[in-house]
Amino acid sequence: MNHSDHPRASIAANVKRLSLRNETISFLVLHPLICEDGDLVYLLIRYIDFDSGQAEGDHLHLFLDEALADAEHEFGVQRSDWFELTALQAQRIDRSIGS
């Protein structure tokens, strides 16, 4: 997946490296959000269990490269590890953000 074109779809990756601070995190989602001015920001969501929707927390990044670098540094996720979520999975995230 070419990340330089600023995807408007949610992408996800399995965590590759655990740390004492993040030992329960197993899955990451990078969810783009459209600002009022049309720019994109990226919400990096940390999941304990994605299938059950159990999130540990999130962090907002202004730039895609910043979010990808954060995921690589904290969790060992390489750019090639990311994959696009299905539309149904992405809708579930949209609903959980809105609640």
PDB file of N, CA and C in Angstrom:
ATOM      1  N   MET A   1       0.853  -1.182   0.000  1.00  0.00           N
ATOM      2  CA  MET A   1       0.000   0.000   0.000  1.00  0.00           C
ATOM      3  C   MET A   1       0.891   1.234   0.000  1.00  0.00           C
ATOM      4  N   ASN A   2       0.612   2.166  -0.874  1.00  0.00           N
ATOM      5  CA  ASN A   2       1.382   3.404  -0.951  1.00  0.00           C
ATOM      6  C   ASN A   2       0.763   4.413   0.001  1.00  0.00           C
ATOM      7  N   HIS A   3       1.479   4.731   1.088  1.00  0.00           N
ATOM      8  CA  HIS A   3       0.932   5.623   2.104  1.00  0.00           C
ATOM      9  C   HIS A   3       1.155   7.092   1.785  1.00  0.00           C
ATOM     10  N   SER A   4       1.971   7.374   0.779  1.00  0.00           N
ATOM     11  CA  SER A   4       2.276   8.773   0.486  1.00  0.00           C
ATOM     12  C   SER A   4       1.099   9.506  -0.137  1.00  0.00           C
ATOM     13  N   ASP A   5       0.103   8.772  -0.614  1.00  0.00           N
ATOM     14  CA  ASP A   5      -1.045   9.431  -1.224  1.00  0.00           C
ATOM     15  C   ASP A   5      -2.141   9.734  -0.207  1.00  0.00           C
ATOM     16  N   HIS A   6      -1.832   9.649   1.076  1.00  0.00           N
ATOM     17  CA  HIS A   6      -2.761   9.998   2.153  1.00  0.00           C
ATOM     18  C   HIS A   6      -4.093   9.272   2.010  1.00  0.00           C
ATOM     19  N   PRO A   7      -4.105   8.010   2.390  1.00  0.00           N
ATOM     20  CA  PRO A   7      -5.313   7.200   2.219  1.00  0.00           C
ATOM     21  C   PRO A   7      -6.492   7.763   2.988  1.00  0.00           C
ATOM     22  N   ARG A   8      -7.666   7.642   2.406  1.00  0.00           N
ATOM     23  CA  ARG A   8      -8.890   8.036   3.086  1.00  0.00           C
ATOM     24  C   ARG A   8      -9.564   6.820   3.707  1.00  0.00           C
ATOM     25  N   ALA A   9      -8.966   5.646   3.525  1.00  0.00           N
ATOM     26  CA  ALA A   9      -9.477   4.420   4.136  1.00  0.00           C
ATOM     27  C   ALA A   9      -8.682   4.121   5.401  1.00  0.00           C
ATOM     28  N   SER A  10      -9.317   3.456   6.327  1.00  0.00           N
ATOM     29  CA  SER A  10      -8.631   3.038   7.555  1.00  0.00           C
ATOM     30  C   SER A  10      -7.680   1.901   7.234  1.00  0.00           C
ATOM     31  N   ILE A  11      -6.499   1.960   7.847  1.00  0.00           N
ATOM     32  CA  ILE A  11      -5.534   0.879   7.699  1.00  0.00           C
ATOM     33  C   ILE A  11      -5.223   0.315   9.081  1.00  0.00           C
ATOM     34  N   ALA A  12      -4.745  -0.927   9.120  1.00  0.00           N
ATOM     35  CA  ALA A  12      -4.520  -1.603  10.389  1.00  0.00           C
ATOM     36  C   ALA A  12      -3.269  -2.463  10.313  1.00  0.00           C
ATOM     37  N   ALA A  13      -2.769  -2.826  11.500  1.00  0.00           N
ATOM     38  CA  ALA A  13      -1.598  -3.698  11.573  1.00  0.00           C
ATOM     39  C   ALA A  13      -1.588  -4.412  12.915  1.00  0.00           C
ATOM     40  N   ASN A  14      -1.047  -5.601  12.896  1.00  0.00           N
ATOM     41  CA  ASN A  14      -0.804  -6.333  14.135  1.00  0.00           C
ATOM     42  C   ASN A  14       0.462  -5.787  14.777  1.00  0.00           C
ATOM     43  N   VAL A  15       0.447  -5.648  16.077  1.00  0.00           N
ATOM     44  CA  VAL A  15       1.606  -5.164  16.816  1.00  0.00           C
ATOM     45  C   VAL A  15       2.724  -6.205  16.702  1.00  0.00           C
ATOM     46  N   LYS A  16       3.927  -5.729  16.427  1.00  0.00           N
ATOM     47  CA  LYS A  16       5.079  -6.619  16.255  1.00  0.00           C
ATOM     48  C   LYS A  16       5.966  -6.677  17.487  1.00  0.00           C
ATOM     49  N   ARG A  17       5.925  -5.636  18.313  1.00  0.00           N
ATOM     50  CA  ARG A  17       6.814  -5.572  19.474  1.00  0.00           C
ATOM     51  C   ARG A  17       6.040  -5.023  20.663  1.00  0.00           C
ATOM     52  N   LEU A  18       6.125  -5.717  21.782  1.00  0.00           N
ATOM     53  CA  LEU A  18       5.488  -5.265  23.014  1.00  0.00           C
ATOM     54  C   LEU A  18       6.531  -4.606  23.900  1.00  0.00           C
ATOM     55  N   SER A  19       6.094  -3.674  24.694  1.00  0.00           N
ATOM     56  CA  SER A  19       6.965  -3.072  25.692  1.00  0.00           C
ATOM     57  C   SER A  19       6.231  -3.116  27.019  1.00  0.00           C
ATOM     58  N   LEU A  20       6.929  -2.828  28.095  1.00  0.00           N
ATOM     59  CA  LEU A  20       6.273  -2.824  29.405  1.00  0.00           C
ATOM     60  C   LEU A  20       5.121  -1.844  29.439  1.00  0.00           C
ATOM     61  N   ARG A  21       5.284  -0.722  28.764  1.00  0.00           N
ATOM     62  CA  ARG A  21       4.243   0.303  28.738  1.00  0.00           C
ATOM     63  C   ARG A  21       3.056  -0.111  27.873  1.00  0.00           C
ATOM     64  N   ASN A  22       3.290  -0.964  26.899  1.00  0.00           N
ATOM     65  CA  ASN A  22       2.247  -1.321  25.935  1.00  0.00           C
ATOM     66  C   ASN A  22       2.052  -2.831  25.829  1.00  0.00           C
ATOM     67  N   GLU A  23       2.167  -3.536  26.923  1.00  0.00           N
ATOM     68  CA  GLU A  23       2.167  -4.992  26.852  1.00  0.00           C
ATOM     69  C   GLU A  23       0.812  -5.607  26.504  1.00  0.00           C
ATOM     70  N   THR A  24      -0.277  -4.867  26.612  1.00  0.00           N
ATOM     71  CA  THR A  24      -1.593  -5.431  26.308  1.00  0.00           C
ATOM     72  C   THR A  24      -2.077  -5.080  24.900  1.00  0.00           C
ATOM     73  N   ILE A  25      -1.340  -4.250  24.177  1.00  0.00           N
ATOM     74  CA  ILE A  25      -1.771  -3.809  22.847  1.00  0.00           C
ATOM     75  C   ILE A  25      -1.432  -4.883  21.819  1.00  0.00           C
ATOM     76  N   SER A  26      -2.426  -5.289  21.014  1.00  0.00           N
ATOM     77  CA  SER A  26      -2.195  -6.322  20.007  1.00  0.00           C
ATOM     78  C   SER A  26      -2.457  -5.851  18.582  1.00  0.00           C
ATOM     79  N   PHE A  27      -3.166  -4.723  18.422  1.00  0.00           N
ATOM     80  CA  PHE A  27      -3.629  -4.325  17.096  1.00  0.00           C
ATOM     81  C   PHE A  27      -3.719  -2.809  17.033  1.00  0.00           C
ATOM     82  N   LEU A  28      -3.338  -2.241  15.890  1.00  0.00           N
ATOM     83  CA  LEU A  28      -3.413  -0.793  15.679  1.00  0.00           C
ATOM     84  C   LEU A  28      -4.295  -0.493  14.487  1.00  0.00           C
ATOM     85  N   VAL A  29      -5.023   0.602  14.570  1.00  0.00           N
ATOM     86  CA  VAL A  29      -5.789   1.120  13.434  1.00  0.00           C
ATOM     87  C   VAL A  29      -5.404   2.567  13.243  1.00  0.00           C
ATOM     88  N   LEU A  30      -5.153   2.926  12.012  1.00  0.00           N
ATOM     89  CA  LEU A  30      -4.883   4.308  11.643  1.00  0.00           C
ATOM     90  C   LEU A  30      -6.090   4.786  10.847  1.00  0.00           C
ATOM     91  N   HIS A  31      -6.878   5.642  11.480  1.00  0.00           N
ATOM     92  CA  HIS A  31      -8.175   6.055  10.941  1.00  0.00           C
ATOM     93  C   HIS A  31      -8.115   7.526  10.518  1.00  0.00           C
ATOM     94  N   PRO A  32      -8.285   7.816   9.219  1.00  0.00           N
ATOM     95  CA  PRO A  32      -8.250   9.209   8.775  1.00  0.00           C
ATOM     96  C   PRO A  32      -9.539   9.945   9.140  1.00  0.00           C
ATOM     97  N   LEU A  33      -9.392  11.175   9.556  1.00  0.00           N
ATOM     98  CA  LEU A  33     -10.533  12.040   9.867  1.00  0.00           C
ATOM     99  C   LEU A  33     -10.424  13.285   9.007  1.00  0.00           C
ATOM    100  N   ILE A  34     -11.527  13.710   8.434  1.00  0.00           N
ATOM    101  CA  ILE A  34     -11.540  14.892   7.576  1.00  0.00           C
ATOM    102  C   ILE A  34     -11.885  16.112   8.417  1.00  0.00           C
ATOM    103  N   CYS A  35     -11.022  17.109   8.379  1.00  0.00           N
ATOM    104  CA  CYS A  35     -11.245  18.363   9.102  1.00  0.00           C
ATOM    105  C   CYS A  35     -12.214  19.242   8.328  1.00  0.00           C
ATOM    106  N   GLU A  36     -12.703  20.269   8.975  1.00  0.00           N
ATOM    107  CA  GLU A  36     -13.640  21.190   8.338  1.00  0.00           C
ATOM    108  C   GLU A  36     -13.052  21.835   7.089  1.00  0.00           C
ATOM    109  N   ASP A  37     -11.730  22.056   7.072  1.00  0.00           N
ATOM    110  CA  ASP A  37     -11.092  22.674   5.916  1.00  0.00           C
ATOM    111  C   ASP A  37     -10.732  21.669   4.825  1.00  0.00           C
ATOM    112  N   GLY A  38     -11.080  20.391   5.034  1.00  0.00           N
ATOM    113  CA  GLY A  38     -10.828  19.355   4.045  1.00  0.00           C
ATOM    114  C   GLY A  38      -9.519  18.616   4.234  1.00  0.00           C
ATOM    115  N   ASP A  39      -8.657  19.097   5.117  1.00  0.00           N
ATOM    116  CA  ASP A  39      -7.407  18.399   5.405  1.00  0.00           C
ATOM    117  C   ASP A  39      -7.688  17.123   6.186  1.00  0.00           C
ATOM    118  N   LEU A  40      -6.746  16.203   6.138  1.00  0.00           N
ATOM    119  CA  LEU A  40      -6.864  14.962   6.888  1.00  0.00           C
ATOM    120  C   LEU A  40      -5.962  14.996   8.113  1.00  0.00           C
ATOM    121  N   VAL A  41      -6.443  14.419   9.194  1.00  0.00           N
ATOM    122  CA  VAL A  41      -5.635  14.096  10.369  1.00  0.00           C
ATOM    123  C   VAL A  41      -5.840  12.601  10.597  1.00  0.00           C
ATOM    124  N   TYR A  42      -4.972  12.014  11.426  1.00  0.00           N
ATOM    125  CA  TYR A  42      -4.985  10.565  11.564  1.00  0.00           C
ATOM    126  C   TYR A  42      -5.068  10.168  13.032  1.00  0.00           C
ATOM    127  N   LEU A  43      -6.071   9.357  13.349  1.00  0.00           N
ATOM    128  CA  LEU A  43      -6.264   8.852  14.692  1.00  0.00           C
ATOM    129  C   LEU A  43      -5.656   7.456  14.763  1.00  0.00           C
ATOM    130  N   LEU A  44      -4.594   7.309  15.570  1.00  0.00           N
ATOM    131  CA  LEU A  44      -3.958   6.019  15.779  1.00  0.00           C
ATOM    132  C   LEU A  44      -4.608   5.388  17.008  1.00  0.00           C
ATOM    133  N   ILE A  45      -5.386   4.330  16.785  1.00  0.00           N
ATOM    134  CA  ILE A  45      -6.143   3.683  17.848  1.00  0.00           C
ATOM    135  C   ILE A  45      -5.421   2.399  18.250  1.00  0.00           C
ATOM    136  N   ARG A  46      -5.197   2.245  19.552  1.00  0.00           N
ATOM    137  CA  ARG A  46      -4.509   1.079  20.104  1.00  0.00           C
ATOM    138  C   ARG A  46      -5.565   0.129  20.678  1.00  0.00           C
ATOM    139  N   TYR A  47      -5.562  -1.102  20.183  1.00  0.00           N
ATOM    140  CA  TYR A  47      -6.556  -2.086  20.627  1.00  0.00           C
ATOM    141  C   TYR A  47      -5.914  -3.196  21.449  1.00  0.00           C
ATOM    142  N   ILE A  48      -6.590  -3.542  22.518  1.00  0.00           N
ATOM    143  CA  ILE A  48      -6.262  -4.753  23.262  1.00  0.00           C
ATOM    144  C   ILE A  48      -6.845  -5.939  22.503  1.00  0.00           C
ATOM    145  N   ASP A  49      -8.091  -5.784  22.048  1.00  0.00           N
ATOM    146  CA  ASP A  49      -8.780  -6.812  21.256  1.00  0.00           C
ATOM    147  C   ASP A  49      -9.663  -6.113  20.228  1.00  0.00           C
ATOM    148  N   PHE A  50      -9.225  -6.102  19.000  1.00  0.00           N
ATOM    149  CA  PHE A  50      -9.964  -5.401  17.948  1.00  0.00           C
ATOM    150  C   PHE A  50     -11.333  -6.030  17.706  1.00  0.00           C
ATOM    151  N   ASP A  51     -11.390  -7.366  17.653  1.00  0.00           N
ATOM    152  CA  ASP A  51     -12.649  -8.042  17.336  1.00  0.00           C
ATOM    153  C   ASP A  51     -13.770  -7.712  18.315  1.00  0.00           C
ATOM    154  N   SER A  52     -13.417  -7.534  19.587  1.00  0.00           N
ATOM    155  CA  SER A  52     -14.443  -7.187  20.581  1.00  0.00           C
ATOM    156  C   SER A  52     -14.603  -5.675  20.743  1.00  0.00           C
ATOM    157  N   GLY A  53     -13.735  -4.911  20.069  1.00  0.00           N
ATOM    158  CA  GLY A  53     -13.813  -3.452  20.158  1.00  0.00           C
ATOM    159  C   GLY A  53     -13.162  -2.877  21.397  1.00  0.00           C
ATOM    160  N   GLN A  54     -12.343  -3.659  22.080  1.00  0.00           N
ATOM    161  CA  GLN A  54     -11.712  -3.204  23.316  1.00  0.00           C
ATOM    162  C   GLN A  54     -10.461  -2.382  22.988  1.00  0.00           C
ATOM    163  N   ALA A  55     -10.625  -1.064  23.011  1.00  0.00           N
ATOM    164  CA  ALA A  55      -9.522  -0.147  22.733  1.00  0.00           C
ATOM    165  C   ALA A  55      -8.840   0.256  24.031  1.00  0.00           C
ATOM    166  N   GLU A  56      -7.533   0.440  23.960  1.00  0.00           N
ATOM    167  CA  GLU A  56      -6.762   0.892  25.114  1.00  0.00           C
ATOM    168  C   GLU A  56      -6.674   2.414  25.118  1.00  0.00           C
ATOM    169  N   GLY A  57      -6.628   3.010  23.934  1.00  0.00           N
ATOM    170  CA  GLY A  57      -6.517   4.463  23.818  1.00  0.00           C
ATOM    171  C   GLY A  57      -6.225   4.860  22.386  1.00  0.00           C
ATOM    172  N   ASP A  58      -5.994   6.143  22.195  1.00  0.00           N
ATOM    173  CA  ASP A  58      -5.697   6.633  20.848  1.00  0.00           C
ATOM    174  C   ASP A  58      -4.833   7.874  20.935  1.00  0.00           C
ATOM    175  N   HIS A  59      -4.337   8.283  19.788  1.00  0.00           N
ATOM    176  CA  HIS A  59      -3.518   9.489  19.701  1.00  0.00           C
ATOM    177  C   HIS A  59      -3.767  10.117  18.334  1.00  0.00           C
ATOM    178  N   LEU A  60      -3.969  11.418  18.312  1.00  0.00           N
ATOM    179  CA  LEU A  60      -4.217  12.137  17.064  1.00  0.00           C
ATOM    180  C   LEU A  60      -2.902  12.638  16.479  1.00  0.00           C
ATOM    181  N   HIS A  61      -2.707  12.357  15.200  1.00  0.00           N
ATOM    182  CA  HIS A  61      -1.521  12.814  14.476  1.00  0.00           C
ATOM    183  C   HIS A  61      -1.956  13.739  13.344  1.00  0.00           C
ATOM    184  N   LEU A  62      -1.239  14.822  13.178  1.00  0.00           N
ATOM    185  CA  LEU A  62      -1.553  15.769  12.108  1.00  0.00           C
ATOM    186  C   LEU A  62      -1.070  15.296  10.746  1.00  0.00           C
ATOM    187  N   PHE A  63      -0.077  14.405  10.757  1.00  0.00           N
ATOM    188  CA  PHE A  63       0.515  13.953   9.497  1.00  0.00           C
ATOM    189  C   PHE A  63       0.602  12.431   9.464  1.00  0.00           C
ATOM    190  N   LEU A  64       0.366  11.851   8.305  1.00  0.00           N
ATOM    191  CA  LEU A  64       0.416  10.408   8.129  1.00  0.00           C
ATOM    192  C   LEU A  64       1.804   9.863   8.454  1.00  0.00           C
ATOM    193  N   ASP A  65       2.848  10.496   7.940  1.00  0.00           N
ATOM    194  CA  ASP A  65       4.207  10.003   8.194  1.00  0.00           C
ATOM    195  C   ASP A  65       4.539  10.001   9.684  1.00  0.00           C
ATOM    196  N   GLU A  66       4.034  10.971  10.400  1.00  0.00           N
ATOM    197  CA  GLU A  66       4.236  11.042  11.851  1.00  0.00           C
ATOM    198  C   GLU A  66       3.560   9.846  12.543  1.00  0.00           C
ATOM    199  N   ALA A  67       2.349   9.522  12.129  1.00  0.00           N
ATOM    200  CA  ALA A  67       1.619   8.398  12.719  1.00  0.00           C
ATOM    201  C   ALA A  67       2.313   7.070  12.413  1.00  0.00           C
ATOM    202  N   LEU A  68       2.774   6.909  11.186  1.00  0.00           N
ATOM    203  CA  LEU A  68       3.459   5.678  10.802  1.00  0.00           C
ATOM    204  C   LEU A  68       4.781   5.523  11.563  1.00  0.00           C
ATOM    205  N   ALA A  69       5.496   6.621  11.726  1.00  0.00           N
ATOM    206  CA  ALA A  69       6.759   6.592  12.476  1.00  0.00           C
ATOM    207  C   ALA A  69       6.506   6.254  13.949  1.00  0.00           C
ATOM    208  N   ASP A  70       5.441   6.788  14.521  1.00  0.00           N
ATOM    209  CA  ASP A  70       5.079   6.495  15.908  1.00  0.00           C
ATOM    210  C   ASP A  70       4.786   5.006  16.070  1.00  0.00           C
ATOM    211  N   ALA A  71       4.012   4.443  15.145  1.00  0.00           N
ATOM    212  CA  ALA A  71       3.671   3.018  15.207  1.00  0.00           C
ATOM    213  C   ALA A  71       4.919   2.144  15.069  1.00  0.00           C
ATOM    214  N   GLU A  72       5.843   2.559  14.232  1.00  0.00           N
ATOM    215  CA  GLU A  72       7.074   1.791  14.059  1.00  0.00           C
ATOM    216  C   GLU A  72       7.936   1.870  15.323  1.00  0.00           C
ATOM    217  N   HIS A  73       8.069   3.057  15.874  1.00  0.00           N
ATOM    218  CA  HIS A  73       8.901   3.248  17.067  1.00  0.00           C
ATOM    219  C   HIS A  73       8.330   2.528  18.288  1.00  0.00           C
ATOM    220  N   GLU A  74       7.046   2.691  18.532  1.00  0.00           N
ATOM    221  CA  GLU A  74       6.430   2.140  19.742  1.00  0.00           C
ATOM    222  C   GLU A  74       6.089   0.653  19.654  1.00  0.00           C
ATOM    223  N   PHE A  75       5.717   0.188  18.446  1.00  0.00           N
ATOM    224  CA  PHE A  75       5.158  -1.156  18.323  1.00  0.00           C
ATOM    225  C   PHE A  75       5.850  -2.039  17.292  1.00  0.00           C
ATOM    226  N   GLY A  76       6.896  -1.531  16.638  1.00  0.00           N
ATOM    227  CA  GLY A  76       7.628  -2.330  15.668  1.00  0.00           C
ATOM    228  C   GLY A  76       6.900  -2.573  14.368  1.00  0.00           C
ATOM    229  N   VAL A  77       5.865  -1.793  14.079  1.00  0.00           N
ATOM    230  CA  VAL A  77       5.071  -1.969  12.868  1.00  0.00           C
ATOM    231  C   VAL A  77       5.757  -1.242  11.703  1.00  0.00           C
ATOM    232  N   GLN A  78       6.148  -2.010  10.697  1.00  0.00           N
ATOM    233  CA  GLN A  78       6.777  -1.448   9.500  1.00  0.00           C
ATOM    234  C   GLN A  78       5.695  -0.976   8.520  1.00  0.00           C
ATOM    235  N   ARG A  79       6.069  -0.122   7.612  1.00  0.00           N
ATOM    236  CA  ARG A  79       5.103   0.374   6.623  1.00  0.00           C
ATOM    237  C   ARG A  79       4.463  -0.759   5.819  1.00  0.00           C
ATOM    238  N   SER A  80       5.224  -1.794   5.560  1.00  0.00           N
ATOM    239  CA  SER A  80       4.704  -2.920   4.774  1.00  0.00           C
ATOM    240  C   SER A  80       3.739  -3.801   5.567  1.00  0.00           C
ATOM    241  N   ASP A  81       3.642  -3.612   6.885  1.00  0.00           N
ATOM    242  CA  ASP A  81       2.742  -4.410   7.727  1.00  0.00           C
ATOM    243  C   ASP A  81       1.291  -3.937   7.680  1.00  0.00           C
ATOM    244  N   TRP A  82       1.064  -2.729   7.223  1.00  0.00           N
ATOM    245  CA  TRP A  82      -0.288  -2.150   7.228  1.00  0.00           C
ATOM    246  C   TRP A  82      -1.138  -2.749   6.122  1.00  0.00           C
ATOM    247  N   PHE A  83      -2.420  -2.920   6.396  1.00  0.00           N
ATOM    248  CA  PHE A  83      -3.385  -3.392   5.401  1.00  0.00           C
ATOM    249  C   PHE A  83      -4.680  -2.611   5.570  1.00  0.00           C
ATOM    250  N   GLU A  84      -5.462  -2.547   4.526  1.00  0.00           N
ATOM    251  CA  GLU A  84      -6.712  -1.789   4.558  1.00  0.00           C
ATOM    252  C   GLU A  84      -7.808  -2.589   5.244  1.00  0.00           C
ATOM    253  N   LEU A  85      -8.551  -1.934   6.117  1.00  0.00           N
ATOM    254  CA  LEU A  85      -9.701  -2.569   6.758  1.00  0.00           C
ATOM    255  C   LEU A  85     -10.841  -2.711   5.760  1.00  0.00           C
ATOM    256  N   THR A  86     -11.711  -3.660   6.017  1.00  0.00           N
ATOM    257  CA  THR A  86     -12.910  -3.769   5.189  1.00  0.00           C
ATOM    258  C   THR A  86     -13.824  -2.580   5.482  1.00  0.00           C
ATOM    259  N   ALA A  87     -14.764  -2.325   4.609  1.00  0.00           N
ATOM    260  CA  ALA A  87     -15.707  -1.223   4.816  1.00  0.00           C
ATOM    261  C   ALA A  87     -16.512  -1.432   6.100  1.00  0.00           C
ATOM    262  N   LEU A  88     -16.885  -2.661   6.382  1.00  0.00           N
ATOM    263  CA  LEU A  88     -17.660  -2.963   7.590  1.00  0.00           C
ATOM    264  C   LEU A  88     -16.839  -2.686   8.852  1.00  0.00           C
ATOM    265  N   GLN A  89     -15.574  -3.078   8.852  1.00  0.00           N
ATOM    266  CA  GLN A  89     -14.711  -2.803  10.008  1.00  0.00           C
ATOM    267  C   GLN A  89     -14.530  -1.294  10.204  1.00  0.00           C
ATOM    268  N   ALA A  90     -14.338  -0.565   9.114  1.00  0.00           N
ATOM    269  CA  ALA A  90     -14.154   0.889   9.194  1.00  0.00           C
ATOM    270  C   ALA A  90     -15.423   1.572   9.700  1.00  0.00           C
ATOM    271  N   GLN A  91     -16.587   1.093   9.296  1.00  0.00           N
ATOM    272  CA  GLN A  91     -17.847   1.666   9.783  1.00  0.00           C
ATOM    273  C   GLN A  91     -17.981   1.475  11.282  1.00  0.00           C
ATOM    274  N   ARG A  92     -17.535   0.341  11.780  1.00  0.00           N
ATOM    275  CA  ARG A  92     -17.590   0.075  13.222  1.00  0.00           C
ATOM    276  C   ARG A  92     -16.735   1.094  13.978  1.00  0.00           C
ATOM    277  N   ILE A  93     -15.591   1.456  13.417  1.00  0.00           N
ATOM    278  CA  ILE A  93     -14.747   2.465  14.038  1.00  0.00           C
ATOM    279  C   ILE A  93     -15.418   3.818  13.986  1.00  0.00           C
ATOM    280  N   ASP A  94     -15.996   4.185  12.847  1.00  0.00           N
ATOM    281  CA  ASP A  94     -16.713   5.451  12.728  1.00  0.00           C
ATOM    282  C   ASP A  94     -17.796   5.575  13.790  1.00  0.00           C
ATOM    283  N   ARG A  95     -18.552   4.501  14.017  1.00  0.00           N
ATOM    284  CA  ARG A  95     -19.618   4.509  15.024  1.00  0.00           C
ATOM    285  C   ARG A  95     -19.047   4.678  16.429  1.00  0.00           C
ATOM    286  N   SER A  96     -17.920   4.024  16.708  1.00  0.00           N
ATOM    287  CA  SER A  96     -17.365   4.103  18.062  1.00  0.00           C
ATOM    288  C   SER A  96     -16.762   5.481  18.331  1.00  0.00           C
ATOM    289  N   ILE A  97     -16.258   6.155  17.311  1.00  0.00           N
ATOM    290  CA  ILE A  97     -15.712   7.499  17.492  1.00  0.00           C
ATOM    291  C   ILE A  97     -16.837   8.488  17.752  1.00  0.00           C
ATOM    292  N   GLY A  98     -17.960   8.307  17.097  1.00  0.00           N
ATOM    293  CA  GLY A  98     -19.087   9.212  17.232  1.00  0.00           C
ATOM    294  C   GLY A  98     -19.843   9.084  18.540  1.00  0.00           C
ATOM    295  N   SER A  99     -19.588   8.006  19.291  1.00  0.00           N
ATOM    296  CA  SER A  99     -20.370   7.792  20.520  1.00  0.00           C
ATOM    297  C   SER A  99     -19.718   8.418  21.725  1.00  0.00           C
TER     298      SER A  99
END
